Amino acid sequence: MQKKFNIKKGDTVTVIAGDSKGQQGRVLSVNRDKNTLIVEGVNLISKHTKPNTKSPKGGILKKEASIHISNLMLVDASTGKPTKIGHKLNDKNKRVRYSKKTGKEIK
């Protein structure tokens, strides 16, 4: 059975703990097995690469590393601040996410 996350690919999140605390970015990928996400421009690491066809010179590349979901919080689009997420049924009886701060539906 797959785990259900409140955060999905494409959401904007902020880091609430760790070295990258306070940074914001868009979710690039979700790993449900390890409870981790990769966020654009957050938790950067230096990756040493040998020369190959993709990078003929090789060298040191900056790359996003995964970050645990417990260290992230969804950013409310209307206020731009982190918010907790709830679930409710909308008028069409479809389960949707909503911001617990503002009560507005999250697209």
PDB file of N, CA and C in Angstrom:
ATOM      1  N   MET A   1       0.830  -1.185   0.000  1.00  0.00           N
ATOM      2  CA  MET A   1       0.000   0.000   0.000  1.00  0.00           C
ATOM      3  C   MET A   1       0.875   1.249   0.000  1.00  0.00           C
ATOM      4  N   GLN A   2       0.536   2.210  -0.845  1.00  0.00           N
ATOM      5  CA  GLN A   2       1.331   3.432  -0.945  1.00  0.00           C
ATOM      6  C   GLN A   2       0.984   4.400   0.168  1.00  0.00           C
ATOM      7  N   LYS A   3       2.017   5.068   0.690  1.00  0.00           N
ATOM      8  CA  LYS A   3       1.799   6.093   1.706  1.00  0.00           C
ATOM      9  C   LYS A   3       1.191   7.313   1.051  1.00  0.00           C
ATOM     10  N   LYS A   4       0.372   8.031   1.804  1.00  0.00           N
ATOM     11  CA  LYS A   4      -0.240   9.245   1.278  1.00  0.00           C
ATOM     12  C   LYS A   4       0.433  10.444   1.913  1.00  0.00           C
ATOM     13  N   PHE A   5       0.897  11.357   1.070  1.00  0.00           N
ATOM     14  CA  PHE A   5       1.526  12.581   1.528  1.00  0.00           C
ATOM     15  C   PHE A   5       0.593  13.748   1.282  1.00  0.00           C
ATOM     16  N   ASN A   6       0.719  14.776   2.106  1.00  0.00           N
ATOM     17  CA  ASN A   6      -0.034  16.006   1.889  1.00  0.00           C
ATOM     18  C   ASN A   6       0.647  16.893   0.861  1.00  0.00           C
ATOM     19  N   ILE A   7       1.917  16.633   0.599  1.00  0.00           N
ATOM     20  CA  ILE A   7       2.688  17.437  -0.345  1.00  0.00           C
ATOM     21  C   ILE A   7       2.859  16.642  -1.638  1.00  0.00           C
ATOM     22  N   LYS A   8       2.646  17.310  -2.779  1.00  0.00           N
ATOM     23  CA  LYS A   8       2.734  16.655  -4.078  1.00  0.00           C
ATOM     24  C   LYS A   8       3.780  17.333  -4.946  1.00  0.00           C
ATOM     25  N   LYS A   9       4.124  16.680  -6.042  1.00  0.00           N
ATOM     26  CA  LYS A   9       5.066  17.240  -7.008  1.00  0.00           C
ATOM     27  C   LYS A   9       4.488  18.542  -7.560  1.00  0.00           C
ATOM     28  N   GLY A  10       5.330  19.577  -7.616  1.00  0.00           N
ATOM     29  CA  GLY A  10       4.887  20.867  -8.136  1.00  0.00           C
ATOM     30  C   GLY A  10       4.472  21.860  -7.063  1.00  0.00           C
ATOM     31  N   ASP A  11       4.255  21.395  -5.821  1.00  0.00           N
ATOM     32  CA  ASP A  11       3.894  22.290  -4.721  1.00  0.00           C
ATOM     33  C   ASP A  11       5.096  23.142  -4.323  1.00  0.00           C
ATOM     34  N   THR A  12       4.821  24.312  -3.768  1.00  0.00           N
ATOM     35  CA  THR A  12       5.874  25.144  -3.201  1.00  0.00           C
ATOM     36  C   THR A  12       5.938  24.866  -1.710  1.00  0.00           C
ATOM     37  N   VAL A  13       7.143  24.568  -1.223  1.00  0.00           N
ATOM     38  CA  VAL A  13       7.320  24.225   0.188  1.00  0.00           C
ATOM     39  C   VAL A  13       8.412  25.085   0.804  1.00  0.00           C
ATOM     40  N   THR A  14       8.428  25.149   2.122  1.00  0.00           N
ATOM     41  CA  THR A  14       9.487  25.823   2.853  1.00  0.00           C
ATOM     42  C   THR A  14      10.108  24.823   3.820  1.00  0.00           C
ATOM     43  N   VAL A  15      11.406  24.964   4.064  1.00  0.00           N
ATOM     44  CA  VAL A  15      12.123  24.069   4.969  1.00  0.00           C
ATOM     45  C   VAL A  15      11.986  24.625   6.382  1.00  0.00           C
ATOM     46  N   ILE A  16      11.544  23.774   7.315  1.00  0.00           N
ATOM     47  CA  ILE A  16      11.325  24.234   8.690  1.00  0.00           C
ATOM     48  C   ILE A  16      12.388  23.725   9.650  1.00  0.00           C
ATOM     49  N   ALA A  17      13.286  22.834   9.190  1.00  0.00           N
ATOM     50  CA  ALA A  17      14.349  22.309  10.055  1.00  0.00           C
ATOM     51  C   ALA A  17      15.529  21.874   9.212  1.00  0.00           C
ATOM     52  N   GLY A  18      16.721  21.948   9.800  1.00  0.00           N
ATOM     53  CA  GLY A  18      17.929  21.491   9.121  1.00  0.00           C
ATOM     54  C   GLY A  18      18.777  22.640   8.615  1.00  0.00           C
ATOM     55  N   ASP A  19      19.814  22.310   7.848  1.00  0.00           N
ATOM     56  CA  ASP A  19      20.763  23.307   7.343  1.00  0.00           C
ATOM     57  C   ASP A  19      20.117  24.311   6.395  1.00  0.00           C
ATOM     58  N   SER A  20      19.116  23.896   5.653  1.00  0.00           N
ATOM     59  CA  SER A  20      18.462  24.759   4.663  1.00  0.00           C
ATOM     60  C   SER A  20      17.233  25.467   5.228  1.00  0.00           C
ATOM     61  N   LYS A  21      17.133  25.570   6.545  1.00  0.00           N
ATOM     62  CA  LYS A  21      15.950  26.149   7.199  1.00  0.00           C
ATOM     63  C   LYS A  21      15.637  27.538   6.654  1.00  0.00           C
ATOM     64  N   GLY A  22      14.363  27.754   6.318  1.00  0.00           N
ATOM     65  CA  GLY A  22      13.919  29.048   5.822  1.00  0.00           C
ATOM     66  C   GLY A  22      13.876  29.153   4.309  1.00  0.00           C
ATOM     67  N   GLN A  23      14.512  28.240   3.596  1.00  0.00           N
ATOM     68  CA  GLN A  23      14.519  28.295   2.135  1.00  0.00           C
ATOM     69  C   GLN A  23      13.211  27.755   1.571  1.00  0.00           C
ATOM     70  N   GLN A  24      12.824  28.290   0.415  1.00  0.00           N
ATOM     71  CA  GLN A  24      11.622  27.833  -0.265  1.00  0.00           C
ATOM     72  C   GLN A  24      11.971  27.313  -1.642  1.00  0.00           C
ATOM     73  N   GLY A  25      11.151  26.394  -2.145  1.00  0.00           N
ATOM     74  CA  GLY A  25      11.373  25.861  -3.483  1.00  0.00           C
ATOM     75  C   GLY A  25      10.204  25.006  -3.922  1.00  0.00           C
ATOM     76  N   ARG A  26      10.250  24.610  -5.185  1.00  0.00           N
ATOM     77  CA  ARG A  26       9.203  23.782  -5.778  1.00  0.00           C
ATOM     78  C   ARG A  26       9.617  22.318  -5.703  1.00  0.00           C
ATOM     79  N   VAL A  27       8.677  21.441  -5.400  1.00  0.00           N
ATOM     80  CA  VAL A  27       8.966  20.006  -5.283  1.00  0.00           C
ATOM     81  C   VAL A  27       9.181  19.425  -6.676  1.00  0.00           C
ATOM     82  N   LEU A  28      10.351  18.793  -6.877  1.00  0.00           N
ATOM     83  CA  LEU A  28      10.684  18.193  -8.164  1.00  0.00           C
ATOM     84  C   LEU A  28      10.299  16.721  -8.230  1.00  0.00           C
ATOM     85  N   SER A  29      10.498  15.993  -7.112  1.00  0.00           N
ATOM     86  CA  SER A  29      10.137  14.576  -7.095  1.00  0.00           C
ATOM     87  C   SER A  29       9.833  14.117  -5.674  1.00  0.00           C
ATOM     88  N   VAL A  30       9.070  13.031  -5.583  1.00  0.00           N
ATOM     89  CA  VAL A  30       8.645  12.471  -4.300  1.00  0.00           C
ATOM     90  C   VAL A  30       9.049  11.008  -4.256  1.00  0.00           C
ATOM     91  N   ASN A  31       9.706  10.583  -3.156  1.00  0.00           N
ATOM     92  CA  ASN A  31      10.060   9.183  -2.953  1.00  0.00           C
ATOM     93  C   ASN A  31       9.251   8.670  -1.760  1.00  0.00           C
ATOM     94  N   ARG A  32       8.167   7.967  -2.040  1.00  0.00           N
ATOM     95  CA  ARG A  32       7.258   7.505  -0.982  1.00  0.00           C
ATOM     96  C   ARG A  32       7.867   6.391  -0.129  1.00  0.00           C
ATOM     97  N   ASP A  33       8.805   5.626  -0.680  1.00  0.00           N
ATOM     98  CA  ASP A  33       9.425   4.537   0.076  1.00  0.00           C
ATOM     99  C   ASP A  33      10.310   5.068   1.204  1.00  0.00           C
ATOM    100  N   LYS A  34      11.040   6.141   0.937  1.00  0.00           N
ATOM    101  CA  LYS A  34      11.963   6.695   1.925  1.00  0.00           C
ATOM    102  C   LYS A  34      11.426   7.939   2.632  1.00  0.00           C
ATOM    103  N   ASN A  35      10.186   8.361   2.324  1.00  0.00           N
ATOM    104  CA  ASN A  35       9.568   9.562   2.906  1.00  0.00           C
ATOM    105  C   ASN A  35      10.382  10.825   2.618  1.00  0.00           C
ATOM    106  N   THR A  36      10.961  10.918   1.424  1.00  0.00           N
ATOM    107  CA  THR A  36      11.790  12.071   1.093  1.00  0.00           C
ATOM    108  C   THR A  36      11.306  12.747  -0.186  1.00  0.00           C
ATOM    109  N   LEU A  37      11.697  14.009  -0.334  1.00  0.00           N
ATOM    110  CA  LEU A  37      11.368  14.789  -1.522  1.00  0.00           C
ATOM    111  C   LEU A  37      12.630  15.488  -1.998  1.00  0.00           C
ATOM    112  N   ILE A  38      12.655  15.846  -3.271  1.00  0.00           N
ATOM    113  CA  ILE A  38      13.720  16.676  -3.800  1.00  0.00           C
ATOM    114  C   ILE A  38      13.089  18.019  -4.136  1.00  0.00           C
ATOM    115  N   VAL A  39      13.668  19.093  -3.552  1.00  0.00           N
ATOM    116  CA  VAL A  39      13.127  20.436  -3.710  1.00  0.00           C
ATOM    117  C   VAL A  39      14.131  21.276  -4.484  1.00  0.00           C
ATOM    118  N   GLU A  40      13.631  22.029  -5.453  1.00  0.00           N
ATOM    119  CA  GLU A  40      14.459  22.843  -6.331  1.00  0.00           C
ATOM    120  C   GLU A  40      15.230  23.911  -5.548  1.00  0.00           C
ATOM    121  N   GLY A  41      16.561  23.893  -5.646  1.00  0.00           N
ATOM    122  CA  GLY A  41      17.413  24.897  -5.027  1.00  0.00           C
ATOM    123  C   GLY A  41      17.608  24.760  -3.530  1.00  0.00           C
ATOM    124  N   VAL A  42      17.161  23.652  -2.945  1.00  0.00           N
ATOM    125  CA  VAL A  42      17.261  23.444  -1.499  1.00  0.00           C
ATOM    126  C   VAL A  42      18.105  22.205  -1.217  1.00  0.00           C
ATOM    127  N   ASN A  43      18.891  22.240  -0.129  1.00  0.00           N
ATOM    128  CA  ASN A  43      19.723  21.108   0.292  1.00  0.00           C
ATOM    129  C   ASN A  43      20.721  20.710  -0.803  1.00  0.00           C
ATOM    130  N   LEU A  44      21.480  21.696  -1.286  1.00  0.00           N
ATOM    131  CA  LEU A  44      22.439  21.456  -2.365  1.00  0.00           C
ATOM    132  C   LEU A  44      23.678  20.735  -1.847  1.00  0.00           C
ATOM    133  N   ILE A  45      24.160  19.785  -2.651  1.00  0.00           N
ATOM    134  CA  ILE A  45      25.390  19.057  -2.337  1.00  0.00           C
ATOM    135  C   ILE A  45      26.356  19.222  -3.507  1.00  0.00           C
ATOM    136  N   SER A  46      27.637  18.982  -3.253  1.00  0.00           N
ATOM    137  CA  SER A  46      28.648  19.018  -4.310  1.00  0.00           C
ATOM    138  C   SER A  46      28.912  17.596  -4.768  1.00  0.00           C
ATOM    139  N   LYS A  47      28.681  17.339  -6.035  1.00  0.00           N
ATOM    140  CA  LYS A  47      28.886  16.006  -6.594  1.00  0.00           C
ATOM    141  C   LYS A  47      30.107  16.048  -7.499  1.00  0.00           C
ATOM    142  N   HIS A  48      31.113  15.217  -7.203  1.00  0.00           N
ATOM    143  CA  HIS A  48      32.332  15.149  -8.003  1.00  0.00           C
ATOM    144  C   HIS A  48      32.105  14.170  -9.149  1.00  0.00           C
ATOM    145  N   THR A  49      32.341  14.616 -10.375  1.00  0.00           N
ATOM    146  CA  THR A  49      32.091  13.763 -11.538  1.00  0.00           C
ATOM    147  C   THR A  49      33.350  13.628 -12.388  1.00  0.00           C
ATOM    148  N   LYS A  50      33.505  12.447 -12.965  1.00  0.00           N
ATOM    149  CA  LYS A  50      34.589  12.194 -13.904  1.00  0.00           C
ATOM    150  C   LYS A  50      34.163  12.717 -15.270  1.00  0.00           C
ATOM    151  N   PRO A  51      35.106  12.995 -16.134  1.00  0.00           N
ATOM    152  CA  PRO A  51      34.741  13.418 -17.490  1.00  0.00           C
ATOM    153  C   PRO A  51      33.963  12.313 -18.218  1.00  0.00           C
ATOM    154  N   ASN A  52      32.888  12.705 -18.894  1.00  0.00           N
ATOM    155  CA  ASN A  52      32.107  11.768 -19.704  1.00  0.00           C
ATOM    156  C   ASN A  52      31.482  12.542 -20.864  1.00  0.00           C
ATOM    157  N   THR A  53      30.636  11.893 -21.637  1.00  0.00           N
ATOM    158  CA  THR A  53      30.054  12.560 -22.808  1.00  0.00           C
ATOM    159  C   THR A  53      29.131  13.716 -22.414  1.00  0.00           C
ATOM    160  N   LYS A  54      28.466  13.579 -21.292  1.00  0.00           N
ATOM    161  CA  LYS A  54      27.557  14.636 -20.840  1.00  0.00           C
ATOM    162  C   LYS A  54      28.331  15.874 -20.380  1.00  0.00           C
ATOM    163  N   SER A  55      29.350  15.649 -19.571  1.00  0.00           N
ATOM    164  CA  SER A  55      30.207  16.763 -19.126  1.00  0.00           C
ATOM    165  C   SER A  55      31.658  16.408 -19.446  1.00  0.00           C
ATOM    166  N   PRO A  56      32.182  16.859 -20.606  1.00  0.00           N
ATOM    167  CA  PRO A  56      33.515  16.467 -21.056  1.00  0.00           C
ATOM    168  C   PRO A  56      34.635  16.845 -20.086  1.00  0.00           C
ATOM    169  N   LYS A  57      34.437  17.933 -19.324  1.00  0.00           N
ATOM    170  CA  LYS A  57      35.472  18.343 -18.389  1.00  0.00           C
ATOM    171  C   LYS A  57      35.357  17.649 -17.037  1.00  0.00           C
ATOM    172  N   GLY A  58      34.159  17.203 -16.680  1.00  0.00           N
ATOM    173  CA  GLY A  58      33.957  16.634 -15.342  1.00  0.00           C
ATOM    174  C   GLY A  58      33.925  17.755 -14.334  1.00  0.00           C
ATOM    175  N   GLY A  59      34.359  17.498 -13.121  1.00  0.00           N
ATOM    176  CA  GLY A  59      34.438  18.549 -12.108  1.00  0.00           C
ATOM    177  C   GLY A  59      33.406  18.385 -11.015  1.00  0.00           C
ATOM    178  N   ILE A  60      33.118  19.492 -10.358  1.00  0.00           N
ATOM    179  CA  ILE A  60      32.195  19.490  -9.221  1.00  0.00           C
ATOM    180  C   ILE A  60      30.881  20.128  -9.639  1.00  0.00           C
ATOM    181  N   LEU A  61      29.795  19.394  -9.479  1.00  0.00           N
ATOM    182  CA  LEU A  61      28.461  19.883  -9.814  1.00  0.00           C
ATOM    183  C   LEU A  61      27.658  20.110  -8.535  1.00  0.00           C
ATOM    184  N   LYS A  62      26.858  21.152  -8.516  1.00  0.00           N
ATOM    185  CA  LYS A  62      25.922  21.392  -7.410  1.00  0.00           C
ATOM    186  C   LYS A  62      24.616  20.693  -7.774  1.00  0.00           C
ATOM    187  N   LYS A  63      24.081  19.907  -6.834  1.00  0.00           N
ATOM    188  CA  LYS A  63      22.896  19.102  -7.112  1.00  0.00           C
ATOM    189  C   LYS A  63      22.016  19.076  -5.872  1.00  0.00           C
ATOM    190  N   GLU A  64      20.691  19.017  -6.072  1.00  0.00           N
ATOM    191  CA  GLU A  64      19.773  18.935  -4.941  1.00  0.00           C
ATOM    192  C   GLU A  64      19.774  17.527  -4.363  1.00  0.00           C
ATOM    193  N   ALA A  65      19.874  17.435  -3.045  1.00  0.00           N
ATOM    194  CA  ALA A  65      19.777  16.148  -2.359  1.00  0.00           C
ATOM    195  C   ALA A  65      18.369  16.029  -1.786  1.00  0.00           C
ATOM    196  N   SER A  66      17.963  14.813  -1.462  1.00  0.00           N
ATOM    197  CA  SER A  66      16.631  14.606  -0.921  1.00  0.00           C
ATOM    198  C   SER A  66      16.557  15.143   0.507  1.00  0.00           C
ATOM    199  N   ILE A  67      15.349  15.502   0.923  1.00  0.00           N
ATOM    200  CA  ILE A  67      15.116  16.034   2.254  1.00  0.00           C
ATOM    201  C   ILE A  67      13.862  15.362   2.806  1.00  0.00           C
ATOM    202  N   HIS A  68      13.877  15.017   4.092  1.00  0.00           N
ATOM    203  CA  HIS A  68      12.776  14.286   4.695  1.00  0.00           C
ATOM    204  C   HIS A  68      11.522  15.143   4.744  1.00  0.00           C
ATOM    205  N   ILE A  69      10.373  14.508   4.552  1.00  0.00           N
ATOM    206  CA  ILE A  69       9.106  15.236   4.475  1.00  0.00           C
ATOM    207  C   ILE A  69       8.753  15.936   5.789  1.00  0.00           C
ATOM    208  N   SER A  70       9.262  15.434   6.914  1.00  0.00           N
ATOM    209  CA  SER A  70       8.953  16.055   8.202  1.00  0.00           C
ATOM    210  C   SER A  70       9.634  17.407   8.355  1.00  0.00           C
ATOM    211  N   ASN A  71      10.641  17.696   7.525  1.00  0.00           N
ATOM    212  CA  ASN A  71      11.349  18.965   7.583  1.00  0.00           C
ATOM    213  C   ASN A  71      10.774  20.004   6.625  1.00  0.00           C
ATOM    214  N   LEU A  72       9.648  19.690   5.986  1.00  0.00           N
ATOM    215  CA  LEU A  72       9.044  20.581   5.003  1.00  0.00           C
ATOM    216  C   LEU A  72       7.615  20.943   5.392  1.00  0.00           C
ATOM    217  N   MET A  73       7.186  22.124   4.938  1.00  0.00           N
ATOM    218  CA  MET A  73       5.820  22.567   5.161  1.00  0.00           C
ATOM    219  C   MET A  73       5.331  23.260   3.892  1.00  0.00           C
ATOM    220  N   LEU A  74       4.099  23.004   3.516  1.00  0.00           N
ATOM    221  CA  LEU A  74       3.524  23.594   2.317  1.00  0.00           C
ATOM    222  C   LEU A  74       3.336  25.093   2.499  1.00  0.00           C
ATOM    223  N   VAL A  75       3.603  25.865   1.432  1.00  0.00           N
ATOM    224  CA  VAL A  75       3.411  27.309   1.466  1.00  0.00           C
ATOM    225  C   VAL A  75       2.045  27.625   0.869  1.00  0.00           C
ATOM    226  N   ASP A  76       1.244  28.406   1.603  1.00  0.00           N
ATOM    227  CA  ASP A  76      -0.074  28.830   1.135  1.00  0.00           C
ATOM    228  C   ASP A  76       0.120  29.875   0.039  1.00  0.00           C
ATOM    229  N   ALA A  77      -0.478  29.653  -1.130  1.00  0.00           N
ATOM    230  CA  ALA A  77      -0.282  30.539  -2.272  1.00  0.00           C
ATOM    231  C   ALA A  77      -0.839  31.941  -2.020  1.00  0.00           C
ATOM    232  N   SER A  78      -1.924  32.051  -1.267  1.00  0.00           N
ATOM    233  CA  SER A  78      -2.540  33.359  -1.062  1.00  0.00           C
ATOM    234  C   SER A  78      -1.766  34.233  -0.080  1.00  0.00           C
ATOM    235  N   THR A  79      -1.159  33.628   0.958  1.00  0.00           N
ATOM    236  CA  THR A  79      -0.441  34.417   1.961  1.00  0.00           C
ATOM    237  C   THR A  79       1.070  34.343   1.802  1.00  0.00           C
ATOM    238  N   GLY A  80       1.578  33.268   1.192  1.00  0.00           N
ATOM    239  CA  GLY A  80       3.018  33.089   1.038  1.00  0.00           C
ATOM    240  C   GLY A  80       3.693  32.584   2.302  1.00  0.00           C
ATOM    241  N   LYS A  81       2.900  32.115   3.265  1.00  0.00           N
ATOM    242  CA  LYS A  81       3.445  31.610   4.528  1.00  0.00           C
ATOM    243  C   LYS A  81       3.171  30.117   4.660  1.00  0.00           C
ATOM    244  N   PRO A  82       3.985  29.398   5.463  1.00  0.00           N
ATOM    245  CA  PRO A  82       3.759  27.964   5.659  1.00  0.00           C
ATOM    246  C   PRO A  82       2.436  27.698   6.355  1.00  0.00           C
ATOM    247  N   THR A  83       1.808  26.587   6.000  1.00  0.00           N
ATOM    248  CA  THR A  83       0.519  26.234   6.585  1.00  0.00           C
ATOM    249  C   THR A  83       0.389  24.728   6.731  1.00  0.00           C
ATOM    250  N   LYS A  84      -0.429  24.320   7.685  1.00  0.00           N
ATOM    251  CA  LYS A  84      -0.780  22.905   7.798  1.00  0.00           C
ATOM    252  C   LYS A  84      -1.853  22.608   6.761  1.00  0.00           C
ATOM    253  N   ILE A  85      -2.011  21.328   6.445  1.00  0.00           N
ATOM    254  CA  ILE A  85      -2.927  20.918   5.388  1.00  0.00           C
ATOM    255  C   ILE A  85      -4.010  20.028   5.960  1.00  0.00           C
ATOM    256  N   GLY A  86      -5.235  20.263   5.545  1.00  0.00           N
ATOM    257  CA  GLY A  86      -6.348  19.415   5.926  1.00  0.00           C
ATOM    258  C   GLY A  86      -7.019  18.871   4.679  1.00  0.00           C
ATOM    259  N   HIS A  87      -7.915  17.926   4.865  1.00  0.00           N
ATOM    260  CA  HIS A  87      -8.669  17.348   3.751  1.00  0.00           C
ATOM    261  C   HIS A  87     -10.156  17.473   4.042  1.00  0.00           C
ATOM    262  N   LYS A  88     -10.918  17.820   3.011  1.00  0.00           N
ATOM    263  CA  LYS A  88     -12.369  17.898   3.152  1.00  0.00           C
ATOM    264  C   LYS A  88     -13.009  17.606   1.808  1.00  0.00           C
ATOM    265  N   LEU A  89     -14.317  17.381   1.830  1.00  0.00           N
ATOM    266  CA  LEU A  89     -15.057  17.151   0.604  1.00  0.00           C
ATOM    267  C   LEU A  89     -15.572  18.487   0.084  1.00  0.00           C
ATOM    268  N   ASN A  90     -15.379  18.741  -1.223  1.00  0.00           N
ATOM    269  CA  ASN A  90     -15.896  19.982  -1.792  1.00  0.00           C
ATOM    270  C   ASN A  90     -17.342  19.796  -2.236  1.00  0.00           C
ATOM    271  N   ASP A  91     -17.904  20.790  -2.897  1.00  0.00           N
ATOM    272  CA  ASP A  91     -19.309  20.733  -3.297  1.00  0.00           C
ATOM    273  C   ASP A  91     -19.618  19.631  -4.303  1.00  0.00           C
ATOM    274  N   LYS A  92     -18.615  19.106  -4.975  1.00  0.00           N
ATOM    275  CA  LYS A  92     -18.802  18.009  -5.939  1.00  0.00           C
ATOM    276  C   LYS A  92     -18.480  16.653  -5.323  1.00  0.00           C
ATOM    277  N   ASN A  93     -18.416  16.582  -3.982  1.00  0.00           N
ATOM    278  CA  ASN A  93     -18.078  15.364  -3.237  1.00  0.00           C
ATOM    279  C   ASN A  93     -16.723  14.786  -3.632  1.00  0.00           C
ATOM    280  N   LYS A  94     -15.786  15.666  -3.927  1.00  0.00           N
ATOM    281  CA  LYS A  94     -14.420  15.250  -4.234  1.00  0.00           C
ATOM    282  C   LYS A  94     -13.527  15.676  -3.076  1.00  0.00           C
ATOM    283  N   ARG A  95     -12.619  14.775  -2.650  1.00  0.00           N
ATOM    284  CA  ARG A  95     -11.719  15.056  -1.535  1.00  0.00           C
ATOM    285  C   ARG A  95     -10.625  16.020  -1.997  1.00  0.00           C
ATOM    286  N   VAL A  96     -10.500  17.163  -1.314  1.00  0.00           N
ATOM    287  CA  VAL A  96      -9.520  18.183  -1.696  1.00  0.00           C
ATOM    288  C   VAL A  96      -8.687  18.589  -0.489  1.00  0.00           C
ATOM    289  N   ARG A  97      -7.501  19.154  -0.777  1.00  0.00           N
ATOM    290  CA  ARG A  97      -6.645  19.686   0.280  1.00  0.00           C
ATOM    291  C   ARG A  97      -7.037  21.144   0.529  1.00  0.00           C
ATOM    292  N   TYR A  98      -6.927  21.575   1.787  1.00  0.00           N
ATOM    293  CA  TYR A  98      -7.185  22.976   2.090  1.00  0.00           C
ATOM    294  C   TYR A  98      -6.198  23.464   3.144  1.00  0.00           C
ATOM    295  N   SER A  99      -5.980  24.776   3.142  1.00  0.00           N
ATOM    296  CA  SER A  99      -5.072  25.407   4.085  1.00  0.00           C
ATOM    297  C   SER A  99      -5.792  25.575   5.416  1.00  0.00           C
ATOM    298  N   LYS A 100      -5.169  25.118   6.504  1.00  0.00           N
ATOM    299  CA  LYS A 100      -5.800  25.248   7.808  1.00  0.00           C
ATOM    300  C   LYS A 100      -5.718  26.682   8.329  1.00  0.00           C
ATOM    301  N   LYS A 101      -4.783  27.496   7.798  1.00  0.00           N
ATOM    302  CA  LYS A 101      -4.674  28.893   8.205  1.00  0.00           C
ATOM    303  C   LYS A 101      -5.789  29.747   7.619  1.00  0.00           C
ATOM    304  N   THR A 102      -5.986  29.621   6.303  1.00  0.00           N
ATOM    305  CA  THR A 102      -6.961  30.474   5.622  1.00  0.00           C
ATOM    306  C   THR A 102      -8.267  29.769   5.336  1.00  0.00           C
ATOM    307  N   GLY A 103      -8.265  28.446   5.296  1.00  0.00           N
ATOM    308  CA  GLY A 103      -9.472  27.691   4.968  1.00  0.00           C
ATOM    309  C   GLY A 103      -9.715  27.574   3.484  1.00  0.00           C
ATOM    310  N   LYS A 104      -8.823  28.115   2.656  1.00  0.00           N
ATOM    311  CA  LYS A 104      -8.980  28.073   1.204  1.00  0.00           C
ATOM    312  C   LYS A 104      -8.458  26.752   0.638  1.00  0.00           C
ATOM    313  N   GLU A 105      -9.079  26.353  -0.468  1.00  0.00           N
ATOM    314  CA  GLU A 105      -8.702  25.103  -1.139  1.00  0.00           C
ATOM    315  C   GLU A 105      -7.344  25.260  -1.826  1.00  0.00           C
ATOM    316  N   ILE A 106      -6.529  24.210  -1.783  1.00  0.00           N
ATOM    317  CA  ILE A 106      -5.214  24.207  -2.433  1.00  0.00           C
ATOM    318  C   ILE A 106      -5.349  23.521  -3.772  1.00  0.00           C
ATOM    319  N   LYS A 107      -4.930  24.197  -4.813  1.00  0.00           N
ATOM    320  CA  LYS A 107      -5.026  23.639  -6.162  1.00  0.00           C
ATOM    321  C   LYS A 107      -3.895  22.680  -6.437  1.00  0.00           C
TER     322      LYS A 107
END
